[in-house]
Each structure stands twice: as C-alpha cells, then as structure tokens.
Amino acid sequence: MGSPRFLVTLPIPEKGMAALRAAGTVHVPADPLTPAQLRAACRSRDYDVVVAQLGDRFDAALLAEATLVGISNYAVGFDNVDVDAATAHRIVVGNTPGVLTDATADVAMLLILATARRAVEGDRLTRSGQWVGWRPELLLGHDVSGATLGLAGFGRIARATAARAVAFGMDVVFCSHPPAGRPLSDDDVAALPFPARQVSWAELVDTSDFLSLHVPLADGTHHLVDAAVLNAMKSTAILVNTARGSVVDEDALVAALRDGTLAGAGLDVYEHEPRLAPGLADLTNVVLLPHLGSATVRVRDRMAELCAANAIAMGSGQLPPHCVNPQAWQ
C-alpha cells in the first residue's frame, strides 16, 4: 500500500494535522464542501480516508459509490454516518471517545446555572447601560440548590454531570436508556459515588426541575423530547441539551417556551445546526451556545490526536484504535 491520501474537510488542531502530514498526503479544501462536492470527492479515487466533521453527511447513497477505506470522525458521535451502509461497503468508521466527558459535563452545568439564574439576560442588561441599580425583583431566577436534576441517559457524561450537580446540592434522578429504559441493578445504583435515584422515563419527565439530555441520537431517541413530553414537564422546569439537537423537537420547544409551558432551556446543540428553529433566537428564556461541549484547548487537541491516529491506521491498512464498526474490517 502506498502513502495514504487524506481528505480533511475542515482543519483539525495542529497536533492532528502534523501527524497526518507526516503519514501521507493531506488535502484541505479551500472552502467547506457542499454535499454534492463531498459525494464527488468520496467516489473520485483521489482519497483513501476522509477526516470528517459532524456536519459532513455520509448516507447510504454516498457510501455505495465511495472508494474510501475509512472515515475518521472528529467527534465522539457518529450519527452523521450510516454505519450499516459503511459496514456493508467495508468502509471503516472511527471516532474519538473518552476525552470530552468532563468538558461536556462542565457545559451542562454551565447551562443549568446560566439558565436558572438568567445570566445572559443580566449580561445584556448590564452592557446595554439600562441597569439602574439593585432592585428587589430584578431578574429573579430559579434555585439550583435543592432542585431535582433529571438525567435522560446515564452514560459517562451524565454521571459526570451528576457528580457536579450533587456538589451544588441538587437531588439527582436518572433514567438509563429512555424512553423504554434499561434499568441498572440495585447494586450498581448503590455503588455510585454520589446519591442518585433511578426512575422511569415518565417519572423523570414529571418530577425534574432541570431535565438534562445525555442520550445518543438513534431511531428511538429522535424527538425523544416532543410536544407531549414538554407538556408533561413542570411549567417551572428547565430543559438542558448537550447531546444531539434532534433529540428535541425544536419547533415544539419554541412553542413551549413562548407560551409558558416550560420556564426555560439551555442548548448547546440544535436540530438543524447551524440553523435554529424559527423564533428560538428571539426568546429571552433560553441560553444558546454554539456547540461548545468539547471546546477546550486540551480536549480538542486530544481529539485531533485520536482522529489522526484512526485515519493513519486506516490509511496504512490497520484496524484503527477507535473503530465503531470492526465488522467492516472483517
């Protein structure tokens, strides 16, 4: 096998780029590729591996034509790739797991605090020059200490968020693998390093003061939070999403926030990134971040190293260290 040829759809941090350049030939388009351009590049036979971003979509039609060895996603998630189709065409898919747990949990806690205490509204008021001094009822928010944090999903990021929430005096409840649930054993719950109570999805929705989403995007979690769920939540509740945008029906969320069905929301991800549902940006009871969950220097550098290692292994005819479909290799 000759020197591997890498298509990098957007430059990753230099640690990763340097490793790729040392291993083979690297092409970075001058402008982000359109879907048609990405499809053409994948079938061109000019590249062995694509170093991809979540915004790059690899559907069954593209993968059926692709001449690639692998796709190395610069992300933990890989819902932008039809993994079954990739496997069928022996295209290996890699991701960057295990490095952004704490950073994303920090952002979840940030959104809980900022939304509850109306921090962004306060910042805007102060910067605008309209603040006239302390007032007894100025920007009253919601208590965090003593509130119930409901975790939808209970993987590494959810557990890291729980540990932080407990330190803030929150009561933690969780539902593993909603909506159907896949309960933990009593022994597993008892062994947690923080107090937490396991409940059904319905109870989680009904009782949470803050409902924080930590589930992967799959058929069963697409629009997990829809109009019915929003209507079942407390009118004083706040929704937090650091998972995937399409876990929430964003149009239904806008309606709920607008009519008072829900008190607020803190979002780091969106259903049609980077586009927002109409009306979302006009609401004052939401905190909107531009997908910053993993955005620290240390985490993004480590992601770049893992992503490059995956791509280099693929291009060298080896199983990548973080492969989501090893069946494609077999």
C-alpha atoms as a PDB file:
ATOM      1  CA  MET A   1       0.000   0.000   0.000  1.00  0.00           C
ATOM      2  CA  GLY A   2       1.348   3.420  -0.957  1.00  0.00           C
ATOM      3  CA  SER A   3       1.351   6.596   1.074  1.00  0.00           C
ATOM      4  CA  PRO A   4      -2.209   7.229   2.343  1.00  0.00           C
ATOM      5  CA  ARG A   5      -4.186  10.142   0.940  1.00  0.00           C
ATOM      6  CA  PHE A   6      -6.304  12.091   3.413  1.00  0.00           C
ATOM      7  CA  LEU A   7      -9.190  14.439   2.694  1.00  0.00           C
ATOM      8  CA  VAL A   8      -9.637  16.737   5.717  1.00  0.00           C
ATOM      9  CA  THR A   9     -12.975  18.505   5.315  1.00  0.00           C
ATOM     10  CA  LEU A  10     -12.089  21.145   7.944  1.00  0.00           C
ATOM     11  CA  PRO A  11      -8.640  21.598   9.516  1.00  0.00           C
ATOM     12  CA  ILE A  12      -8.332  19.966  12.931  1.00  0.00           C
ATOM     13  CA  PRO A  13      -5.881  21.230  15.595  1.00  0.00           C
ATOM     14  CA  GLU A  14      -2.251  21.192  14.540  1.00  0.00           C
ATOM     15  CA  LYS A  15      -1.273  18.126  16.555  1.00  0.00           C
ATOM     16  CA  GLY A  16      -3.560  16.084  14.357  1.00  0.00           C
ATOM     17  CA  MET A  17      -2.683  17.861  11.114  1.00  0.00           C
ATOM     18  CA  ALA A  18       1.046  17.392  11.723  1.00  0.00           C
ATOM     19  CA  ALA A  19       0.581  13.671  12.277  1.00  0.00           C
ATOM     20  CA  LEU A  20      -1.449  13.347   9.080  1.00  0.00           C
ATOM     21  CA  ARG A  21       1.127  15.256   7.027  1.00  0.00           C
ATOM     22  CA  ALA A  22       3.909  13.058   8.397  1.00  0.00           C
ATOM     23  CA  ALA A  23       1.983   9.923   7.417  1.00  0.00           C
ATOM     24  CA  GLY A  24       0.767  10.802   3.933  1.00  0.00           C
ATOM     25  CA  THR A  25      -0.728  13.374   1.594  1.00  0.00           C
ATOM     26  CA  VAL A  26      -3.244  15.814   3.045  1.00  0.00           C
ATOM     27  CA  HIS A  27      -5.809  17.850   1.123  1.00  0.00           C
ATOM     28  CA  VAL A  28      -7.890  20.531   2.826  1.00  0.00           C
ATOM     29  CA  PRO A  29     -10.476  22.224   0.570  1.00  0.00           C
ATOM     30  CA  ALA A  30     -10.300  25.995   0.360  1.00  0.00           C
ATOM     31  CA  ASP A  31     -13.994  26.182   1.284  1.00  0.00           C
ATOM     32  CA  PRO A  32     -16.277  23.731   3.122  1.00  0.00           C
ATOM     33  CA  LEU A  33     -17.546  21.080   0.736  1.00  0.00           C
ATOM     34  CA  THR A  34     -21.176  21.034  -0.321  1.00  0.00           C
ATOM     35  CA  PRO A  35     -22.932  17.651  -0.031  1.00  0.00           C
ATOM     36  CA  ALA A  36     -22.518  17.149  -3.772  1.00  0.00           C
ATOM     37  CA  GLN A  37     -18.814  18.006  -3.613  1.00  0.00           C
ATOM     38  CA  LEU A  38     -18.270  15.622  -0.699  1.00  0.00           C
ATOM     39  CA  ARG A  39     -20.010  12.848  -2.592  1.00  0.00           C
ATOM     40  CA  ALA A  40     -17.876  13.500  -5.666  1.00  0.00           C
ATOM     41  CA  ALA A  41     -14.695  13.516  -3.609  1.00  0.00           C
ATOM     42  CA  CYS A  42     -15.575  10.226  -1.922  1.00  0.00           C
ATOM     43  CA  ARG A  43     -16.061   8.453  -5.263  1.00  0.00           C
ATOM     44  CA  SER A  44     -13.145  10.120  -7.039  1.00  0.00           C
ATOM     45  CA  ARG A  45     -10.497   7.551  -6.041  1.00  0.00           C
ATOM     46  CA  ASP A  46      -8.306  10.509  -5.029  1.00  0.00           C
ATOM     47  CA  TYR A  47      -8.543   9.761  -1.301  1.00  0.00           C
ATOM     48  CA  ASP A  48      -8.231   6.769   0.992  1.00  0.00           C
ATOM     49  CA  VAL A  49      -9.588   8.304   4.183  1.00  0.00           C
ATOM     50  CA  VAL A  50     -11.849  11.247   4.979  1.00  0.00           C
ATOM     51  CA  VAL A  51     -11.198  13.115   8.224  1.00  0.00           C
ATOM     52  CA  ALA A  52     -14.756  14.267   8.800  1.00  0.00           C
ATOM     53  CA  GLN A  53     -16.842  16.568  10.966  1.00  0.00           C
ATOM     54  CA  LEU A  54     -20.349  16.018  12.338  1.00  0.00           C
ATOM     55  CA  GLY A  55     -21.711  18.315   9.648  1.00  0.00           C
ATOM     56  CA  ASP A  56     -20.440  16.011   6.904  1.00  0.00           C
ATOM     57  CA  ARG A  57     -23.205  13.572   5.982  1.00  0.00           C
ATOM     58  CA  PHE A  58     -22.318  10.094   4.741  1.00  0.00           C
ATOM     59  CA  ASP A  59     -25.609   8.489   3.751  1.00  0.00           C
ATOM     60  CA  ALA A  60     -26.212   5.136   2.090  1.00  0.00           C
ATOM     61  CA  ALA A  61     -26.209   6.592  -1.418  1.00  0.00           C
ATOM     62  CA  LEU A  62     -22.851   8.298  -0.933  1.00  0.00           C
ATOM     63  CA  LEU A  63     -21.301   5.239   0.694  1.00  0.00           C
ATOM     64  CA  ALA A  64     -22.492   2.953  -2.096  1.00  0.00           C
ATOM     65  CA  GLU A  65     -20.369   4.963  -4.544  1.00  0.00           C
ATOM     66  CA  ALA A  66     -17.431   5.721  -2.253  1.00  0.00           C
ATOM     67  CA  THR A  67     -13.970   4.324  -2.933  1.00  0.00           C
ATOM     68  CA  LEU A  68     -12.752   5.021   0.589  1.00  0.00           C
ATOM     69  CA  VAL A  69     -11.026   2.784   3.089  1.00  0.00           C
ATOM     70  CA  GLY A  70     -12.276   4.731   6.077  1.00  0.00           C
ATOM     71  CA  ILE A  71     -13.957   7.749   7.648  1.00  0.00           C
ATOM     72  CA  SER A  72     -12.333   9.188  10.769  1.00  0.00           C
ATOM     73  CA  ASN A  73     -14.876  11.366  12.555  1.00  0.00           C
ATOM     74  CA  TYR A  74     -13.524  14.265  14.608  1.00  0.00           C
ATOM     75  CA  ALA A  75     -16.159  13.627  17.272  1.00  0.00           C
ATOM     76  CA  VAL A  76     -17.388  11.073  19.748  1.00  0.00           C
ATOM     77  CA  GLY A  77     -20.708  10.849  17.943  1.00  0.00           C
ATOM     78  CA  PHE A  78     -21.065   9.313  14.506  1.00  0.00           C
ATOM     79  CA  ASP A  79     -24.744   9.771  13.681  1.00  0.00           C
ATOM     80  CA  ASN A  80     -23.634  11.667  10.554  1.00  0.00           C
ATOM     81  CA  VAL A  81     -22.532   8.314   9.093  1.00  0.00           C
ATOM     82  CA  ASP A  82     -24.830   5.487   8.032  1.00  0.00           C
ATOM     83  CA  VAL A  83     -22.704   2.910   9.825  1.00  0.00           C
ATOM     84  CA  ASP A  84     -24.643  -0.074   8.493  1.00  0.00           C
ATOM     85  CA  ALA A  85     -24.080   1.097   4.925  1.00  0.00           C
ATOM     86  CA  ALA A  86     -20.419   1.804   5.632  1.00  0.00           C
ATOM     87  CA  THR A  87     -20.001  -1.687   7.035  1.00  0.00           C
ATOM     88  CA  ALA A  88     -21.732  -3.235   4.028  1.00  0.00           C
ATOM     89  CA  HIS A  89     -19.220  -1.491   1.752  1.00  0.00           C
ATOM     90  CA  ARG A  90     -16.254  -2.338   4.003  1.00  0.00           C
ATOM     91  CA  ILE A  91     -15.613   1.278   4.951  1.00  0.00           C
ATOM     92  CA  VAL A  92     -14.246   1.559   8.473  1.00  0.00           C
ATOM     93  CA  VAL A  93     -15.567   4.341  10.714  1.00  0.00           C
ATOM     94  CA  GLY A  94     -13.627   5.786  13.653  1.00  0.00           C
ATOM     95  CA  ASN A  95     -14.459   8.251  16.423  1.00  0.00           C
ATOM     96  CA  THR A  96     -12.770   9.986  19.388  1.00  0.00           C
ATOM     97  CA  PRO A  97     -14.320   8.565  22.575  1.00  0.00           C
ATOM     98  CA  GLY A  98     -13.474   9.091  26.216  1.00  0.00           C
ATOM     99  CA  VAL A  99     -11.832  12.519  26.047  1.00  0.00           C
ATOM    100  CA  LEU A 100     -14.640  15.062  26.337  1.00  0.00           C
ATOM    101  CA  THR A 101     -16.638  13.731  29.290  1.00  0.00           C
ATOM    102  CA  ASP A 102     -15.595  16.390  31.799  1.00  0.00           C
ATOM    103  CA  ALA A 103     -15.675  19.260  29.311  1.00  0.00           C
ATOM    104  CA  THR A 104     -19.233  18.441  28.216  1.00  0.00           C
ATOM    105  CA  ALA A 105     -20.406  17.900  31.783  1.00  0.00           C
ATOM    106  CA  ASP A 106     -18.996  21.340  32.626  1.00  0.00           C
ATOM    107  CA  VAL A 107     -21.083  22.853  29.813  1.00  0.00           C
ATOM    108  CA  ALA A 108     -24.206  21.030  31.027  1.00  0.00           C
ATOM    109  CA  MET A 109     -23.668  22.526  34.477  1.00  0.00           C
ATOM    110  CA  LEU A 110     -22.949  25.921  32.928  1.00  0.00           C
ATOM    111  CA  LEU A 111     -26.280  25.818  31.100  1.00  0.00           C
ATOM    112  CA  ILE A 112     -28.122  24.771  34.270  1.00  0.00           C
ATOM    113  CA  LEU A 113     -26.666  27.695  36.210  1.00  0.00           C
ATOM    114  CA  ALA A 114     -26.833  30.292  33.437  1.00  0.00           C
ATOM    115  CA  THR A 115     -30.420  29.482  32.545  1.00  0.00           C
ATOM    116  CA  ALA A 116     -31.645  29.222  36.127  1.00  0.00           C
ATOM    117  CA  ARG A 117     -30.016  32.466  37.220  1.00  0.00           C
ATOM    118  CA  ARG A 118     -30.699  34.353  33.963  1.00  0.00           C
ATOM    119  CA  ALA A 119     -27.022  35.148  33.495  1.00  0.00           C
ATOM    120  CA  VAL A 120     -27.211  36.029  29.806  1.00  0.00           C
ATOM    121  CA  GLU A 121     -30.138  38.396  30.349  1.00  0.00           C
ATOM    122  CA  GLY A 122     -28.179  40.015  33.157  1.00  0.00           C
ATOM    123  CA  ASP A 123     -25.118  40.405  30.979  1.00  0.00           C
ATOM    124  CA  ARG A 124     -27.151  42.042  28.235  1.00  0.00           C
ATOM    125  CA  LEU A 125     -28.846  44.407  30.685  1.00  0.00           C
ATOM    126  CA  THR A 126     -25.543  45.463  32.208  1.00  0.00           C
ATOM    127  CA  ARG A 127     -23.806  46.003  28.861  1.00  0.00           C
ATOM    128  CA  SER A 128     -26.733  47.985  27.464  1.00  0.00           C
ATOM    129  CA  GLY A 129     -26.478  50.697  30.112  1.00  0.00           C
ATOM    130  CA  GLN A 130     -30.102  50.101  31.123  1.00  0.00           C
ATOM    131  CA  TRP A 131     -29.247  48.736  34.563  1.00  0.00           C
ATOM    132  CA  VAL A 132     -30.231  51.365  37.113  1.00  0.00           C
ATOM    133  CA  GLY A 133     -29.073  49.549  40.231  1.00  0.00           C
ATOM    134  CA  TRP A 134     -30.161  46.788  42.607  1.00  0.00           C
ATOM    135  CA  ARG A 135     -33.902  46.149  42.742  1.00  0.00           C
ATOM    136  CA  PRO A 136     -35.778  43.567  44.867  1.00  0.00           C
ATOM    137  CA  GLU A 137     -37.351  41.837  41.878  1.00  0.00           C
ATOM    138  CA  LEU A 138     -34.698  42.318  39.206  1.00  0.00           C
ATOM    139  CA  LEU A 139     -34.210  39.173  37.049  1.00  0.00           C
ATOM    140  CA  LEU A 140     -35.431  36.707  39.632  1.00  0.00           C
ATOM    141  CA  GLY A 141     -34.444  33.197  38.649  1.00  0.00           C
ATOM    142  CA  HIS A 142     -34.747  29.625  39.875  1.00  0.00           C
ATOM    143  CA  ASP A 143     -32.904  27.913  42.727  1.00  0.00           C
ATOM    144  CA  VAL A 144     -30.370  25.287  41.763  1.00  0.00           C
ATOM    145  CA  SER A 145     -29.534  24.032  45.264  1.00  0.00           C
ATOM    146  CA  GLY A 146     -32.312  21.722  46.424  1.00  0.00           C
ATOM    147  CA  ALA A 147     -33.723  21.321  42.915  1.00  0.00           C
ATOM    148  CA  THR A 148     -34.182  17.949  41.209  1.00  0.00           C
ATOM    149  CA  LEU A 149     -31.908  17.230  38.279  1.00  0.00           C
ATOM    150  CA  GLY A 150     -33.267  14.568  35.952  1.00  0.00           C
ATOM    151  CA  LEU A 151     -30.760  12.852  33.682  1.00  0.00           C
ATOM    152  CA  ALA A 152     -32.076  11.315  30.477  1.00  0.00           C
ATOM    153  CA  GLY A 153     -29.424   8.695  29.814  1.00  0.00           C
ATOM    154  CA  PHE A 154     -26.791   7.639  32.303  1.00  0.00           C
ATOM    155  CA  GLY A 155     -23.502   7.223  30.495  1.00  0.00           C
ATOM    156  CA  ARG A 156     -20.188   8.850  31.296  1.00  0.00           C
ATOM    157  CA  ILE A 157     -21.216  12.448  30.612  1.00  0.00           C
ATOM    158  CA  ALA A 158     -24.465  12.093  32.559  1.00  0.00           C
ATOM    159  CA  ARG A 159     -22.613  10.638  35.538  1.00  0.00           C
ATOM    160  CA  ALA A 160     -20.017  13.405  35.432  1.00  0.00           C
ATOM    161  CA  THR A 161     -22.850  15.950  35.341  1.00  0.00           C
ATOM    162  CA  ALA A 162     -24.476  14.218  38.313  1.00  0.00           C
ATOM    163  CA  ALA A 163     -21.274  14.463  40.343  1.00  0.00           C
ATOM    164  CA  ARG A 164     -21.137  18.201  39.702  1.00  0.00           C
ATOM    165  CA  ALA A 165     -24.825  18.674  40.464  1.00  0.00           C
ATOM    166  CA  VAL A 166     -24.554  16.891  43.797  1.00  0.00           C
ATOM    167  CA  ALA A 167     -21.810  19.331  44.770  1.00  0.00           C
ATOM    168  CA  PHE A 168     -24.328  22.118  44.126  1.00  0.00           C
ATOM    169  CA  GLY A 169     -26.832  20.478  46.464  1.00  0.00           C
ATOM    170  CA  MET A 170     -29.100  19.085  43.755  1.00  0.00           C
ATOM    171  CA  ASP A 171     -31.118  15.874  44.062  1.00  0.00           C
ATOM    172  CA  VAL A 172     -30.264  13.552  41.179  1.00  0.00           C
ATOM    173  CA  VAL A 173     -32.660  11.152  39.470  1.00  0.00           C
ATOM    174  CA  PHE A 174     -31.983   9.311  36.239  1.00  0.00           C
ATOM    175  CA  CYS A 175     -33.459   7.065  33.579  1.00  0.00           C
ATOM    176  CA  SER A 176     -30.986   4.906  31.719  1.00  0.00           C
ATOM    177  CA  HIS A 177     -31.754   4.428  28.001  1.00  0.00           C
ATOM    178  CA  PRO A 178     -35.065   6.318  27.744  1.00  0.00           C
ATOM    179  CA  PRO A 179     -37.818   6.106  26.727  1.00  0.00           C
ATOM    180  CA  ALA A 180     -38.127   2.347  27.303  1.00  0.00           C
ATOM    181  CA  GLY A 181     -35.403   2.340  29.930  1.00  0.00           C
ATOM    182  CA  ARG A 182     -32.770  -0.273  30.668  1.00  0.00           C
ATOM    183  CA  PRO A 183     -32.591  -0.262  34.457  1.00  0.00           C
ATOM    184  CA  LEU A 184     -29.383  -0.539  36.423  1.00  0.00           C
ATOM    185  CA  SER A 185     -29.306  -3.168  39.143  1.00  0.00           C
ATOM    186  CA  ASP A 186     -29.823  -2.094  42.743  1.00  0.00           C
ATOM    187  CA  ASP A 187     -26.197  -2.994  43.442  1.00  0.00           C
ATOM    188  CA  ASP A 188     -24.991  -0.754  40.592  1.00  0.00           C
ATOM    189  CA  VAL A 189     -27.059   2.168  41.860  1.00  0.00           C
ATOM    190  CA  ALA A 190     -25.804   1.622  45.412  1.00  0.00           C
ATOM    191  CA  ALA A 191     -22.204   1.597  44.148  1.00  0.00           C
ATOM    192  CA  LEU A 192     -22.449   5.052  42.540  1.00  0.00           C
ATOM    193  CA  PRO A 193     -20.044   7.590  44.092  1.00  0.00           C
ATOM    194  CA  PHE A 194     -22.923  10.033  44.596  1.00  0.00           C
ATOM    195  CA  PRO A 195     -26.537   9.715  45.757  1.00  0.00           C
ATOM    196  CA  ALA A 196     -28.948   9.140  42.874  1.00  0.00           C
ATOM    197  CA  ARG A 197     -32.318   7.527  42.361  1.00  0.00           C
ATOM    198  CA  GLN A 198     -33.419   5.534  39.321  1.00  0.00           C
ATOM    199  CA  VAL A 199     -36.885   6.297  37.934  1.00  0.00           C
ATOM    200  CA  SER A 200     -38.965   5.619  34.840  1.00  0.00           C
ATOM    201  CA  TRP A 201     -38.915   7.994  31.878  1.00  0.00           C
ATOM    202  CA  ALA A 202     -42.424   9.187  32.726  1.00  0.00           C
ATOM    203  CA  GLU A 203     -41.462   9.971  36.322  1.00  0.00           C
ATOM    204  CA  LEU A 204     -38.268  11.679  35.207  1.00  0.00           C
ATOM    205  CA  VAL A 205     -40.213  13.980  32.903  1.00  0.00           C
ATOM    206  CA  ASP A 206     -42.890  14.652  35.509  1.00  0.00           C
ATOM    207  CA  THR A 207     -40.643  15.411  38.504  1.00  0.00           C
ATOM    208  CA  SER A 208     -37.483  17.083  37.190  1.00  0.00           C
ATOM    209  CA  ASP A 209     -36.845  20.754  37.830  1.00  0.00           C
ATOM    210  CA  PHE A 210     -33.988  20.501  35.332  1.00  0.00           C
ATOM    211  CA  LEU A 211     -34.109  17.812  32.644  1.00  0.00           C
ATOM    212  CA  SER A 212     -30.680  17.252  31.118  1.00  0.00           C
ATOM    213  CA  LEU A 213     -30.329  15.138  27.986  1.00  0.00           C
ATOM    214  CA  HIS A 214     -27.434  12.678  27.616  1.00  0.00           C
ATOM    215  CA  VAL A 215     -28.545  10.144  25.009  1.00  0.00           C
ATOM    216  CA  PRO A 216     -27.089   9.297  21.596  1.00  0.00           C
ATOM    217  CA  LEU A 217     -29.145  10.092  18.523  1.00  0.00           C
ATOM    218  CA  ALA A 218     -30.842   6.943  17.251  1.00  0.00           C
ATOM    219  CA  ASP A 219     -34.241   5.956  15.895  1.00  0.00           C
ATOM    220  CA  GLY A 220     -35.555   5.571  19.431  1.00  0.00           C
ATOM    221  CA  THR A 221     -34.281   8.944  20.643  1.00  0.00           C
ATOM    222  CA  HIS A 222     -35.134  11.144  17.650  1.00  0.00           C
ATOM    223  CA  HIS A 223     -37.555  13.745  19.067  1.00  0.00           C
ATOM    224  CA  LEU A 224     -37.404  11.983  22.433  1.00  0.00           C
ATOM    225  CA  VAL A 225     -38.495  15.343  23.834  1.00  0.00           C
ATOM    226  CA  ASP A 226     -41.538  16.254  21.778  1.00  0.00           C
ATOM    227  CA  ALA A 227     -44.647  18.339  22.458  1.00  0.00           C
ATOM    228  CA  ALA A 228     -46.167  15.614  24.647  1.00  0.00           C
ATOM    229  CA  VAL A 229     -43.065  15.411  26.837  1.00  0.00           C
ATOM    230  CA  LEU A 230     -42.808  19.199  27.087  1.00  0.00           C
ATOM    231  CA  ASN A 231     -46.445  19.399  28.149  1.00  0.00           C
ATOM    232  CA  ALA A 232     -45.813  16.752  30.813  1.00  0.00           C
ATOM    233  CA  MET A 233     -42.911  18.680  32.352  1.00  0.00           C
ATOM    234  CA  LYS A 234     -43.353  21.163  35.173  1.00  0.00           C
ATOM    235  CA  SER A 235     -44.129  24.654  33.923  1.00  0.00           C
ATOM    236  CA  THR A 236     -41.242  25.827  36.130  1.00  0.00           C
ATOM    237  CA  ALA A 237     -38.799  23.303  34.622  1.00  0.00           C
ATOM    238  CA  ILE A 238     -35.732  23.967  32.501  1.00  0.00           C
ATOM    239  CA  LEU A 239     -34.546  21.717  29.663  1.00  0.00           C
ATOM    240  CA  VAL A 240     -30.803  21.304  29.004  1.00  0.00           C
ATOM    241  CA  ASN A 241     -29.421  19.654  25.883  1.00  0.00           C
ATOM    242  CA  THR A 242     -25.728  18.893  25.355  1.00  0.00           C
ATOM    243  CA  ALA A 243     -26.400  15.617  23.491  1.00  0.00           C
ATOM    244  CA  ARG A 244     -27.707  15.920  19.925  1.00  0.00           C
ATOM    245  CA  GLY A 245     -30.069  18.556  18.583  1.00  0.00           C
ATOM    246  CA  SER A 246     -32.529  16.139  17.010  1.00  0.00           C
ATOM    247  CA  VAL A 247     -33.261  14.536  20.368  1.00  0.00           C
ATOM    248  CA  VAL A 248     -35.548  17.567  20.821  1.00  0.00           C
ATOM    249  CA  ASP A 249     -38.380  18.670  18.558  1.00  0.00           C
ATOM    250  CA  GLU A 250     -37.093  22.235  18.294  1.00  0.00           C
ATOM    251  CA  ASP A 251     -40.308  23.700  16.871  1.00  0.00           C
ATOM    252  CA  ALA A 252     -42.265  22.214  19.784  1.00  0.00           C
ATOM    253  CA  LEU A 253     -39.679  23.605  22.196  1.00  0.00           C
ATOM    254  CA  VAL A 254     -40.049  27.112  20.788  1.00  0.00           C
ATOM    255  CA  ALA A 255     -43.828  26.888  21.233  1.00  0.00           C
ATOM    256  CA  ALA A 256     -43.473  25.618  24.817  1.00  0.00           C
ATOM    257  CA  LEU A 257     -41.032  28.360  25.771  1.00  0.00           C
ATOM    258  CA  ARG A 258     -43.150  31.006  24.119  1.00  0.00           C
ATOM    259  CA  ASP A 259     -46.454  30.058  25.754  1.00  0.00           C
ATOM    260  CA  GLY A 260     -45.096  29.327  29.247  1.00  0.00           C
ATOM    261  CA  THR A 261     -45.430  25.548  29.117  1.00  0.00           C
ATOM    262  CA  LEU A 262     -41.741  25.481  30.031  1.00  0.00           C
ATOM    263  CA  ALA A 263     -39.763  28.044  32.039  1.00  0.00           C
ATOM    264  CA  GLY A 264     -36.529  27.908  30.097  1.00  0.00           C
ATOM    265  CA  ALA A 265     -33.935  25.963  28.150  1.00  0.00           C
ATOM    266  CA  GLY A 266     -30.177  25.818  27.812  1.00  0.00           C
ATOM    267  CA  LEU A 267     -28.954  24.439  24.481  1.00  0.00           C
ATOM    268  CA  ASP A 268     -25.539  23.622  23.082  1.00  0.00           C
ATOM    269  CA  VAL A 269     -26.836  21.575  20.128  1.00  0.00           C
ATOM    270  CA  TYR A 270     -29.595  22.120  17.574  1.00  0.00           C
ATOM    271  CA  GLU A 271     -31.784  20.060  15.318  1.00  0.00           C
ATOM    272  CA  HIS A 272     -30.539  21.612  12.066  1.00  0.00           C
ATOM    273  CA  GLU A 273     -27.143  23.053  13.009  1.00  0.00           C
ATOM    274  CA  PRO A 274     -26.156  25.759  12.486  1.00  0.00           C
ATOM    275  CA  ARG A 275     -29.711  26.874  11.689  1.00  0.00           C
ATOM    276  CA  LEU A 276     -32.085  27.473  14.583  1.00  0.00           C
ATOM    277  CA  ALA A 277     -35.800  26.808  14.610  1.00  0.00           C
ATOM    278  CA  PRO A 278     -37.745  29.967  13.726  1.00  0.00           C
ATOM    279  CA  GLY A 279     -38.287  32.111  16.797  1.00  0.00           C
ATOM    280  CA  LEU A 280     -35.740  30.387  19.029  1.00  0.00           C
ATOM    281  CA  ALA A 281     -33.195  33.211  18.937  1.00  0.00           C
ATOM    282  CA  ASP A 282     -35.905  35.756  19.772  1.00  0.00           C
ATOM    283  CA  LEU A 283     -36.716  34.176  23.132  1.00  0.00           C
ATOM    284  CA  THR A 284     -35.216  35.606  26.304  1.00  0.00           C
ATOM    285  CA  ASN A 285     -35.715  32.452  28.384  1.00  0.00           C
ATOM    286  CA  VAL A 286     -33.095  30.396  26.545  1.00  0.00           C
ATOM    287  CA  VAL A 287     -29.302  30.272  26.695  1.00  0.00           C
ATOM    288  CA  LEU A 288     -27.853  29.336  23.304  1.00  0.00           C
ATOM    289  CA  LEU A 289     -24.272  28.111  22.892  1.00  0.00           C
ATOM    290  CA  PRO A 290     -22.631  27.277  19.533  1.00  0.00           C
ATOM    291  CA  HIS A 291     -21.864  23.577  20.194  1.00  0.00           C
ATOM    292  CA  LEU A 292     -19.081  24.193  22.729  1.00  0.00           C
ATOM    293  CA  GLY A 293     -19.319  20.918  24.648  1.00  0.00           C
ATOM    294  CA  SER A 294     -15.788  19.790  23.832  1.00  0.00           C
ATOM    295  CA  ALA A 295     -14.343  23.246  23.212  1.00  0.00           C
ATOM    296  CA  THR A 296     -11.283  23.378  25.427  1.00  0.00           C
ATOM    297  CA  VAL A 297      -7.747  23.502  24.074  1.00  0.00           C
ATOM    298  CA  ARG A 298      -6.720  20.300  25.819  1.00  0.00           C
ATOM    299  CA  VAL A 299      -9.779  18.305  24.736  1.00  0.00           C
ATOM    300  CA  ARG A 300      -9.737  19.429  21.113  1.00  0.00           C
ATOM    301  CA  ASP A 301      -6.007  18.684  20.875  1.00  0.00           C
ATOM    302  CA  ARG A 302      -6.568  15.196  22.255  1.00  0.00           C
ATOM    303  CA  MET A 303      -9.477  14.648  19.866  1.00  0.00           C
ATOM    304  CA  ALA A 304      -7.195  15.657  16.992  1.00  0.00           C
ATOM    305  CA  GLU A 305      -4.584  13.125  18.086  1.00  0.00           C
ATOM    306  CA  LEU A 306      -7.143  10.319  18.290  1.00  0.00           C
ATOM    307  CA  CYS A 307      -8.766  11.285  14.998  1.00  0.00           C
ATOM    308  CA  ALA A 308      -5.412  11.370  13.214  1.00  0.00           C
ATOM    309  CA  ALA A 309      -4.382   8.038  14.752  1.00  0.00           C
ATOM    310  CA  ASN A 310      -7.579   6.469  13.434  1.00  0.00           C
ATOM    311  CA  ALA A 311      -7.079   7.944   9.964  1.00  0.00           C
ATOM    312  CA  ILE A 312      -3.415   6.912   9.769  1.00  0.00           C
ATOM    313  CA  ALA A 313      -4.214   3.339  10.806  1.00  0.00           C
ATOM    314  CA  MET A 314      -6.991   3.135   8.217  1.00  0.00           C
ATOM    315  CA  GLY A 315      -4.745   4.501   5.502  1.00  0.00           C
ATOM    316  CA  SER A 316      -1.981   2.065   6.456  1.00  0.00           C
ATOM    317  CA  GLY A 317      -4.183  -0.999   6.244  1.00  0.00           C
ATOM    318  CA  GLN A 318      -4.576  -1.431  10.009  1.00  0.00           C
ATOM    319  CA  LEU A 319      -7.601  -1.582  12.285  1.00  0.00           C
ATOM    320  CA  PRO A 320      -7.963   1.897  13.839  1.00  0.00           C
ATOM    321  CA  PRO A 321      -7.670   2.148  17.627  1.00  0.00           C
ATOM    322  CA  HIS A 322     -11.184   3.579  17.979  1.00  0.00           C
ATOM    323  CA  CYS A 323     -13.341   1.751  15.447  1.00  0.00           C
ATOM    324  CA  VAL A 324     -17.141   1.814  15.677  1.00  0.00           C
ATOM    325  CA  ASN A 325     -17.701  -0.912  13.063  1.00  0.00           C
ATOM    326  CA  PRO A 326     -14.950  -3.529  13.279  1.00  0.00           C
ATOM    327  CA  GLN A 327     -17.195  -5.834  11.233  1.00  0.00           C
ATOM    328  CA  ALA A 328     -16.233  -3.759   8.185  1.00  0.00           C
ATOM    329  CA  TRP A 329     -12.622  -4.810   8.718  1.00  0.00           C
ATOM    330  CA  GLN A 330     -13.533  -8.474   8.965  1.00  0.00           C
END
